[in-house]
PDB file of N, CA and C in Angstrom:
ATOM      1  N   MET A   1      69.873 -15.559   6.890  1.00  0.00           N
ATOM      2  CA  MET A   1      70.662 -14.430   7.499  1.00  0.00           C
ATOM      3  C   MET A   1      71.806 -14.664   7.923  1.00  0.00           C
ATOM      4  N   PRO A   2      72.995 -13.090   7.441  1.00  0.00           N
ATOM      5  CA  PRO A   2      73.776 -12.520   8.472  1.00  0.00           C
ATOM      6  C   PRO A   2      74.231 -13.109  10.385  1.00  0.00           C
ATOM      7  N   LYS A   3      75.425 -13.479  10.583  1.00  0.00           N
ATOM      8  CA  LYS A   3      75.925 -13.545  12.228  1.00  0.00           C
ATOM      9  C   LYS A   3      75.271 -11.535  12.277  1.00  0.00           C
ATOM     10  N   ALA A   4      74.822 -11.145  13.381  1.00  0.00           N
ATOM     11  CA  ALA A   4      74.587 -10.114  13.938  1.00  0.00           C
ATOM     12  C   ALA A   4      75.467  -9.815  14.842  1.00  0.00           C
ATOM     13  N   SER A   5      75.845  -8.590  14.685  1.00  0.00           N
ATOM     14  CA  SER A   5      76.709  -7.987  15.640  1.00  0.00           C
ATOM     15  C   SER A   5      75.802  -7.388  16.496  1.00  0.00           C
ATOM     16  N   LEU A   6      76.693  -8.639  17.619  1.00  0.00           N
ATOM     17  CA  LEU A   6      75.768  -8.159  19.530  1.00  0.00           C
ATOM     18  C   LEU A   6      76.539  -7.082  20.446  1.00  0.00           C
ATOM     19  N   LYS A   7      75.502  -6.389  20.634  1.00  0.00           N
ATOM     20  CA  LYS A   7      76.130  -5.930  22.545  1.00  0.00           C
ATOM     21  C   LYS A   7      76.670  -6.104  23.575  1.00  0.00           C
ATOM     22  N   THR A   8      77.302  -5.531  24.264  1.00  0.00           N
ATOM     23  CA  THR A   8      77.394  -6.536  25.623  1.00  0.00           C
ATOM     24  C   THR A   8      76.253  -6.156  26.358  1.00  0.00           C
ATOM     25  N   LEU A   9      75.823  -7.931  27.084  1.00  0.00           N
ATOM     26  CA  LEU A   9      74.162  -6.707  27.183  1.00  0.00           C
ATOM     27  C   LEU A   9      75.333  -6.842  29.266  1.00  0.00           C
ATOM     28  N   LEU A  10      73.374  -6.534  30.143  1.00  0.00           N
ATOM     29  CA  LEU A  10      73.984  -6.860  31.507  1.00  0.00           C
ATOM     30  C   LEU A  10      74.034  -7.860  31.802  1.00  0.00           C
ATOM     31  N   VAL A  11      75.065  -7.468  33.059  1.00  0.00           N
ATOM     32  CA  VAL A  11      74.920  -9.236  33.600  1.00  0.00           C
ATOM     33  C   VAL A  11      73.460 -10.356  34.201  1.00  0.00           C
ATOM     34  N   HIS A  12      73.114  -9.309  34.316  1.00  0.00           N
ATOM     35  CA  HIS A  12      71.795 -10.508  34.559  1.00  0.00           C
ATOM     36  C   HIS A  12      70.943 -11.064  32.786  1.00  0.00           C
ATOM     37  N   LEU A  13      71.165 -10.867  32.552  1.00  0.00           N
ATOM     38  CA  LEU A  13      71.166 -11.250  30.632  1.00  0.00           C
ATOM     39  C   LEU A  13      71.937 -12.409  29.537  1.00  0.00           C
ATOM     40  N   LYS A  14      71.445 -12.612  28.996  1.00  0.00           N
ATOM     41  CA  LYS A  14      72.066 -13.644  28.212  1.00  0.00           C
ATOM     42  C   LYS A  14      71.789 -13.880  26.941  1.00  0.00           C
ATOM     43  N   TYR A  15      72.124 -13.984  25.714  1.00  0.00           N
ATOM     44  CA  TYR A  15      71.910 -14.090  24.597  1.00  0.00           C
ATOM     45  C   TYR A  15      71.424 -15.552  24.383  1.00  0.00           C
ATOM     46  N   VAL A  16      69.838 -15.550  23.533  1.00  0.00           N
ATOM     47  CA  VAL A  16      69.652 -17.149  23.100  1.00  0.00           C
ATOM     48  C   VAL A  16      69.956 -17.164  22.057  1.00  0.00           C
ATOM     49  N   PHE A  17      69.342 -17.685  20.746  1.00  0.00           N
ATOM     50  CA  PHE A  17      69.999 -18.196  19.724  1.00  0.00           C
ATOM     51  C   PHE A  17      68.492 -19.255  18.634  1.00  0.00           C
ATOM     52  N   LEU A  18      67.660 -18.611  17.651  1.00  0.00           N
ATOM     53  CA  LEU A  18      66.465 -19.249  17.698  1.00  0.00           C
ATOM     54  C   LEU A  18      67.318 -20.500  16.812  1.00  0.00           C
ATOM     55  N   GLU A  19      67.345 -19.823  15.743  1.00  0.00           N
ATOM     56  CA  GLU A  19      69.096 -20.987  14.944  1.00  0.00           C
ATOM     57  C   GLU A  19      69.978 -21.402  15.133  1.00  0.00           C
ATOM     58  N   ASP A  20      70.084 -22.240  14.575  1.00  0.00           N
ATOM     59  CA  ASP A  20      71.498 -23.482  14.943  1.00  0.00           C
ATOM     60  C   ASP A  20      73.392 -22.867  15.188  1.00  0.00           C
ATOM     61  N   ASN A  21      73.023 -22.034  13.407  1.00  0.00           N
ATOM     62  CA  ASN A  21      74.659 -21.296  13.497  1.00  0.00           C
ATOM     63  C   ASN A  21      74.078 -19.780  13.928  1.00  0.00           C
ATOM     64  N   GLU A  22      74.174 -19.473  14.515  1.00  0.00           N
ATOM     65  CA  GLU A  22      73.796 -18.419  15.823  1.00  0.00           C
ATOM     66  C   GLU A  22      72.681 -17.057  14.999  1.00  0.00           C
ATOM     67  N   THR A  23      72.319 -17.519  14.590  1.00  0.00           N
ATOM     68  CA  THR A  23      71.125 -16.354  13.968  1.00  0.00           C
ATOM     69  C   THR A  23      69.765 -15.604  14.570  1.00  0.00           C
ATOM     70  N   LYS A  24      68.963 -15.166  13.997  1.00  0.00           N
ATOM     71  CA  LYS A  24      68.055 -14.690  14.916  1.00  0.00           C
ATOM     72  C   LYS A  24      67.913 -14.990  16.316  1.00  0.00           C
ATOM     73  N   PRO A  25      68.998 -13.904  17.669  1.00  0.00           N
ATOM     74  CA  PRO A  25      69.668 -13.734  18.685  1.00  0.00           C
ATOM     75  C   PRO A  25      67.942 -12.883  19.238  1.00  0.00           C
ATOM     76  N   VAL A  26      67.502 -13.676  20.956  1.00  0.00           N
ATOM     77  CA  VAL A  26      66.690 -13.020  21.371  1.00  0.00           C
ATOM     78  C   VAL A  26      67.424 -12.786  23.035  1.00  0.00           C
ATOM     79  N   ILE A  27      67.158 -12.326  23.630  1.00  0.00           N
ATOM     80  CA  ILE A  27      68.134 -11.585  24.822  1.00  0.00           C
ATOM     81  C   ILE A  27      66.691 -12.461  26.056  1.00  0.00           C
ATOM     82  N   ILE A  28      67.284 -13.501  26.823  1.00  0.00           N
ATOM     83  CA  ILE A  28      66.646 -13.570  28.555  1.00  0.00           C
ATOM     84  C   ILE A  28      67.984 -13.516  29.472  1.00  0.00           C
ATOM     85  N   SER A  29      66.528 -13.783  30.327  1.00  0.00           N
ATOM     86  CA  SER A  29      67.338 -13.893  31.918  1.00  0.00           C
ATOM     87  C   SER A  29      68.338 -14.835  32.455  1.00  0.00           C
ATOM     88  N   ILE A  30      69.143 -14.411  32.831  1.00  0.00           N
ATOM     89  CA  ILE A  30      70.447 -15.269  33.843  1.00  0.00           C
ATOM     90  C   ILE A  30      70.105 -16.550  34.338  1.00  0.00           C
ATOM     91  N   SER A  31      68.694 -16.045  35.015  1.00  0.00           N
ATOM     92  CA  SER A  31      68.111 -16.859  36.531  1.00  0.00           C
ATOM     93  C   SER A  31      66.773 -17.577  36.038  1.00  0.00           C
ATOM     94  N   LEU A  32      66.730 -18.104  34.249  1.00  0.00           N
ATOM     95  CA  LEU A  32      66.141 -19.470  34.478  1.00  0.00           C
ATOM     96  C   LEU A  32      66.385 -20.192  34.661  1.00  0.00           C
ATOM     97  N   GLN A  33      65.795 -21.154  35.508  1.00  0.00           N
ATOM     98  CA  GLN A  33      65.982 -22.906  34.986  1.00  0.00           C
ATOM     99  C   GLN A  33      66.364 -23.485  33.884  1.00  0.00           C
ATOM    100  N   LYS A  34      67.634 -23.911  33.696  1.00  0.00           N
ATOM    101  CA  LYS A  34      67.484 -24.874  32.443  1.00  0.00           C
ATOM    102  C   LYS A  34      66.002 -25.475  31.872  1.00  0.00           C
ATOM    103  N   LYS A  35      65.810 -25.724  32.357  1.00  0.00           N
ATOM    104  CA  LYS A  35      63.645 -26.472  32.528  1.00  0.00           C
ATOM    105  C   LYS A  35      63.562 -25.453  31.683  1.00  0.00           C
ATOM    106  N   GLU A  36      63.574 -23.884  32.043  1.00  0.00           N
ATOM    107  CA  GLU A  36      63.009 -22.639  32.228  1.00  0.00           C
ATOM    108  C   GLU A  36      64.037 -22.272  30.803  1.00  0.00           C
ATOM    109  N   GLU A  37      64.686 -22.268  30.856  1.00  0.00           N
ATOM    110  CA  GLU A  37      65.314 -22.003  29.603  1.00  0.00           C
ATOM    111  C   GLU A  37      64.763 -22.181  28.097  1.00  0.00           C
ATOM    112  N   ASP A  38      65.110 -24.206  28.272  1.00  0.00           N
ATOM    113  CA  ASP A  38      64.746 -24.895  27.366  1.00  0.00           C
ATOM    114  C   ASP A  38      63.253 -24.949  26.854  1.00  0.00           C
ATOM    115  N   GLN A  39      62.252 -24.632  27.969  1.00  0.00           N
ATOM    116  CA  GLN A  39      60.982 -24.447  27.430  1.00  0.00           C
ATOM    117  C   GLN A  39      60.740 -22.936  26.465  1.00  0.00           C
ATOM    118  N   LEU A  40      61.409 -21.931  27.221  1.00  0.00           N
ATOM    119  CA  LEU A  40      61.404 -20.782  26.352  1.00  0.00           C
ATOM    120  C   LEU A  40      61.277 -20.720  25.416  1.00  0.00           C
ATOM    121  N   GLY A  41      62.775 -21.536  25.126  1.00  0.00           N
ATOM    122  CA  GLY A  41      63.952 -21.978  23.821  1.00  0.00           C
ATOM    123  C   GLY A  41      62.600 -22.116  22.536  1.00  0.00           C
ATOM    124  N   GLN A  42      62.024 -23.422  23.406  1.00  0.00           N
ATOM    125  CA  GLN A  42      61.318 -24.526  22.130  1.00  0.00           C
ATOM    126  C   GLN A  42      59.916 -23.215  21.907  1.00  0.00           C
ATOM    127  N   ILE A  43      59.410 -22.703  22.750  1.00  0.00           N
ATOM    128  CA  ILE A  43      58.659 -21.652  22.487  1.00  0.00           C
ATOM    129  C   ILE A  43      58.442 -20.526  21.140  1.00  0.00           C
ATOM    130  N   LEU A  44      60.403 -19.965  22.207  1.00  0.00           N
ATOM    131  CA  LEU A  44      60.191 -18.534  20.748  1.00  0.00           C
ATOM    132  C   LEU A  44      60.633 -19.478  19.301  1.00  0.00           C
ATOM    133  N   LYS A  45      61.058 -20.715  19.330  1.00  0.00           N
ATOM    134  CA  LYS A  45      61.501 -20.962  17.978  1.00  0.00           C
ATOM    135  C   LYS A  45      59.899 -21.586  17.206  1.00  0.00           C
ATOM    136  N   SER A  46      59.401 -21.772  18.176  1.00  0.00           N
ATOM    137  CA  SER A  46      58.066 -22.427  17.956  1.00  0.00           C
ATOM    138  C   SER A  46      57.122 -21.034  16.700  1.00  0.00           C
ATOM    139  N   CYS A  47      57.822 -19.962  17.237  1.00  0.00           N
ATOM    140  CA  CYS A  47      56.908 -18.763  17.007  1.00  0.00           C
ATOM    141  C   CYS A  47      57.633 -17.331  16.019  1.00  0.00           C
ATOM    142  N   LYS A  48      59.164 -17.640  15.824  1.00  0.00           N
ATOM    143  CA  LYS A  48      59.989 -16.905  15.194  1.00  0.00           C
ATOM    144  C   LYS A  48      59.247 -16.643  14.269  1.00  0.00           C
ATOM    145  N   THR A  49      58.340 -17.215  13.770  1.00  0.00           N
ATOM    146  CA  THR A  49      58.153 -16.243  12.251  1.00  0.00           C
ATOM    147  C   THR A  49      57.457 -14.765  12.531  1.00  0.00           C
ATOM    148  N   VAL A  50      56.673 -14.383  13.711  1.00  0.00           N
ATOM    149  CA  VAL A  50      55.881 -13.095  14.224  1.00  0.00           C
ATOM    150  C   VAL A  50      56.750 -12.536  14.805  1.00  0.00           C
ATOM    151  N   ILE A  51      58.088 -12.857  14.902  1.00  0.00           N
ATOM    152  CA  ILE A  51      59.397 -12.023  14.871  1.00  0.00           C
ATOM    153  C   ILE A  51      60.052 -10.770  14.373  1.00  0.00           C
ATOM    154  N   GLY A  52      59.592 -10.191  13.877  1.00  0.00           N
ATOM    155  CA  GLY A  52      60.671  -8.229  14.020  1.00  0.00           C
ATOM    156  C   GLY A  52      62.220  -8.710  13.277  1.00  0.00           C
ATOM    157  N   TRP A  53      62.833  -9.264  12.962  1.00  0.00           N
ATOM    158  CA  TRP A  53      63.807  -9.426  13.194  1.00  0.00           C
ATOM    159  C   TRP A  53      64.509  -7.843  12.081  1.00  0.00           C
ATOM    160  N   HIS A  54      63.655  -7.366  11.004  1.00  0.00           N
ATOM    161  CA  HIS A  54      64.125  -5.832  10.863  1.00  0.00           C
ATOM    162  C   HIS A  54      62.574  -5.697  10.125  1.00  0.00           C
ATOM    163  N   ILE A  55      63.501  -3.903  10.212  1.00  0.00           N
ATOM    164  CA  ILE A  55      61.510  -2.805   9.504  1.00  0.00           C
ATOM    165  C   ILE A  55      60.822  -3.975   9.179  1.00  0.00           C
ATOM    166  N   SER A  56      61.278  -3.738   7.707  1.00  0.00           N
ATOM    167  CA  SER A  56      60.648  -4.892   6.360  1.00  0.00           C
ATOM    168  C   SER A  56      60.144  -5.760   7.413  1.00  0.00           C
ATOM    169  N   ASP A  57      60.093  -6.850   8.215  1.00  0.00           N
ATOM    170  CA  ASP A  57      59.292  -7.409   8.448  1.00  0.00           C
ATOM    171  C   ASP A  57      57.936  -7.635   9.327  1.00  0.00           C
ATOM    172  N   LEU A  58      57.624  -6.631   9.497  1.00  0.00           N
ATOM    173  CA  LEU A  58      56.602  -6.010  10.074  1.00  0.00           C
ATOM    174  C   LEU A  58      56.124  -5.520   9.415  1.00  0.00           C
ATOM    175  N   LYS A  59      55.118  -6.050   9.006  1.00  0.00           N
ATOM    176  CA  LYS A  59      53.900  -5.611   7.629  1.00  0.00           C
ATOM    177  C   LYS A  59      52.336  -5.038   7.885  1.00  0.00           C
ATOM    178  N   GLY A  60      52.587  -4.570   7.158  1.00  0.00           N
ATOM    179  CA  GLY A  60      51.407  -3.868   7.688  1.00  0.00           C
ATOM    180  C   GLY A  60      51.429  -2.978   8.599  1.00  0.00           C
ATOM    181  N   ILE A  61      53.092  -2.105   8.678  1.00  0.00           N
ATOM    182  CA  ILE A  61      53.889  -1.078   9.435  1.00  0.00           C
ATOM    183  C   ILE A  61      54.478  -0.582   8.437  1.00  0.00           C
ATOM    184  N   SER A  62      54.636   1.210   8.514  1.00  0.00           N
ATOM    185  CA  SER A  62      55.220   1.895   8.177  1.00  0.00           C
ATOM    186  C   SER A  62      56.309   2.076   8.860  1.00  0.00           C
ATOM    187  N   PRO A  63      57.392   2.144   8.226  1.00  0.00           N
ATOM    188  CA  PRO A  63      58.614   2.281   8.624  1.00  0.00           C
ATOM    189  C   PRO A  63      58.567   3.616   8.952  1.00  0.00           C
ATOM    190  N   SER A  64      57.668   5.053   8.873  1.00  0.00           N
ATOM    191  CA  SER A  64      58.078   5.490   8.681  1.00  0.00           C
ATOM    192  C   SER A  64      57.649   5.625  10.515  1.00  0.00           C
ATOM    193  N   TYR A  65      56.776   5.336  10.820  1.00  0.00           N
ATOM    194  CA  TYR A  65      55.669   5.554  12.084  1.00  0.00           C
ATOM    195  C   TYR A  65      56.574   4.378  13.215  1.00  0.00           C
ATOM    196  N   CYS A  66      57.755   3.753  12.748  1.00  0.00           N
ATOM    197  CA  CYS A  66      58.421   2.629  13.733  1.00  0.00           C
ATOM    198  C   CYS A  66      60.250   3.812  14.080  1.00  0.00           C
ATOM    199  N   MET A  67      59.826   4.891  12.701  1.00  0.00           N
ATOM    200  CA  MET A  67      61.262   5.681  13.131  1.00  0.00           C
ATOM    201  C   MET A  67      60.542   6.684  14.208  1.00  0.00           C
ATOM    202  N   HIS A  68      62.163   7.510  14.783  1.00  0.00           N
ATOM    203  CA  HIS A  68      61.751   9.179  15.133  1.00  0.00           C
ATOM    204  C   HIS A  68      63.280   9.687  15.080  1.00  0.00           C
ATOM    205  N   ASN A  69      62.885  10.662  15.504  1.00  0.00           N
ATOM    206  CA  ASN A  69      63.809  12.134  15.257  1.00  0.00           C
ATOM    207  C   ASN A  69      64.382  12.647  16.416  1.00  0.00           C
ATOM    208  N   ILE A  70      65.648  12.748  16.227  1.00  0.00           N
ATOM    209  CA  ILE A  70      65.438  13.631  17.707  1.00  0.00           C
ATOM    210  C   ILE A  70      66.810  15.453  17.182  1.00  0.00           C
ATOM    211  N   LYS A  71      65.172  16.160  17.368  1.00  0.00           N
ATOM    212  CA  LYS A  71      66.195  17.629  17.346  1.00  0.00           C
ATOM    213  C   LYS A  71      66.513  17.850  17.868  1.00  0.00           C
ATOM    214  N   LEU A  72      68.165  18.565  16.899  1.00  0.00           N
ATOM    215  CA  LEU A  72      69.226  19.328  18.071  1.00  0.00           C
ATOM    216  C   LEU A  72      69.059  20.717  17.265  1.00  0.00           C
ATOM    217  N   GLU A  73      69.091  21.640  18.835  1.00  0.00           N
ATOM    218  CA  GLU A  73      69.103  22.930  18.004  1.00  0.00           C
ATOM    219  C   GLU A  73      71.049  23.056  17.230  1.00  0.00           C
ATOM    220  N   ALA A  74      70.521  23.683  15.833  1.00  0.00           N
ATOM    221  CA  ALA A  74      71.646  24.482  15.008  1.00  0.00           C
ATOM    222  C   ALA A  74      72.906  24.306  15.104  1.00  0.00           C
ATOM    223  N   ASP A  75      73.745  24.528  16.402  1.00  0.00           N
ATOM    224  CA  ASP A  75      74.920  25.267  16.783  1.00  0.00           C
ATOM    225  C   ASP A  75      75.165  23.672  17.937  1.00  0.00           C
ATOM    226  N   TYR A  76      74.595  22.829  17.514  1.00  0.00           N
ATOM    227  CA  TYR A  76      75.045  21.750  18.440  1.00  0.00           C
ATOM    228  C   TYR A  76      75.955  21.008  17.925  1.00  0.00           C
ATOM    229  N   LYS A  77      77.531  20.228  19.087  1.00  0.00           N
ATOM    230  CA  LYS A  77      78.263  19.685  17.875  1.00  0.00           C
ATOM    231  C   LYS A  77      78.422  18.611  18.975  1.00  0.00           C
ATOM    232  N   PRO A  78      78.275  17.478  18.851  1.00  0.00           N
ATOM    233  CA  PRO A  78      78.599  16.170  19.738  1.00  0.00           C
ATOM    234  C   PRO A  78      80.084  15.912  20.029  1.00  0.00           C
ATOM    235  N   MET A  79      79.801  16.049  21.297  1.00  0.00           N
ATOM    236  CA  MET A  79      81.229  15.337  21.881  1.00  0.00           C
ATOM    237  C   MET A  79      81.353  13.701  22.203  1.00  0.00           C
TER     238      MET A  79
END
């Protein structure tokens, strides 16, 4: 899996990675103590196969169910 392009997070959140090559990012609270962060990381790493990293990973769920459209008026011009 290629390295993800990560978005800037709010100040109370941070990324941790479930694989050594900085892939499979998850977002956690920065308020966790080191022990709690390590425990959460271990749980997430042991269960990472159930996390949907891409829509195609969500077996049995139609992509059309996961997507939505925002209908705009015909004369709308983005600003």
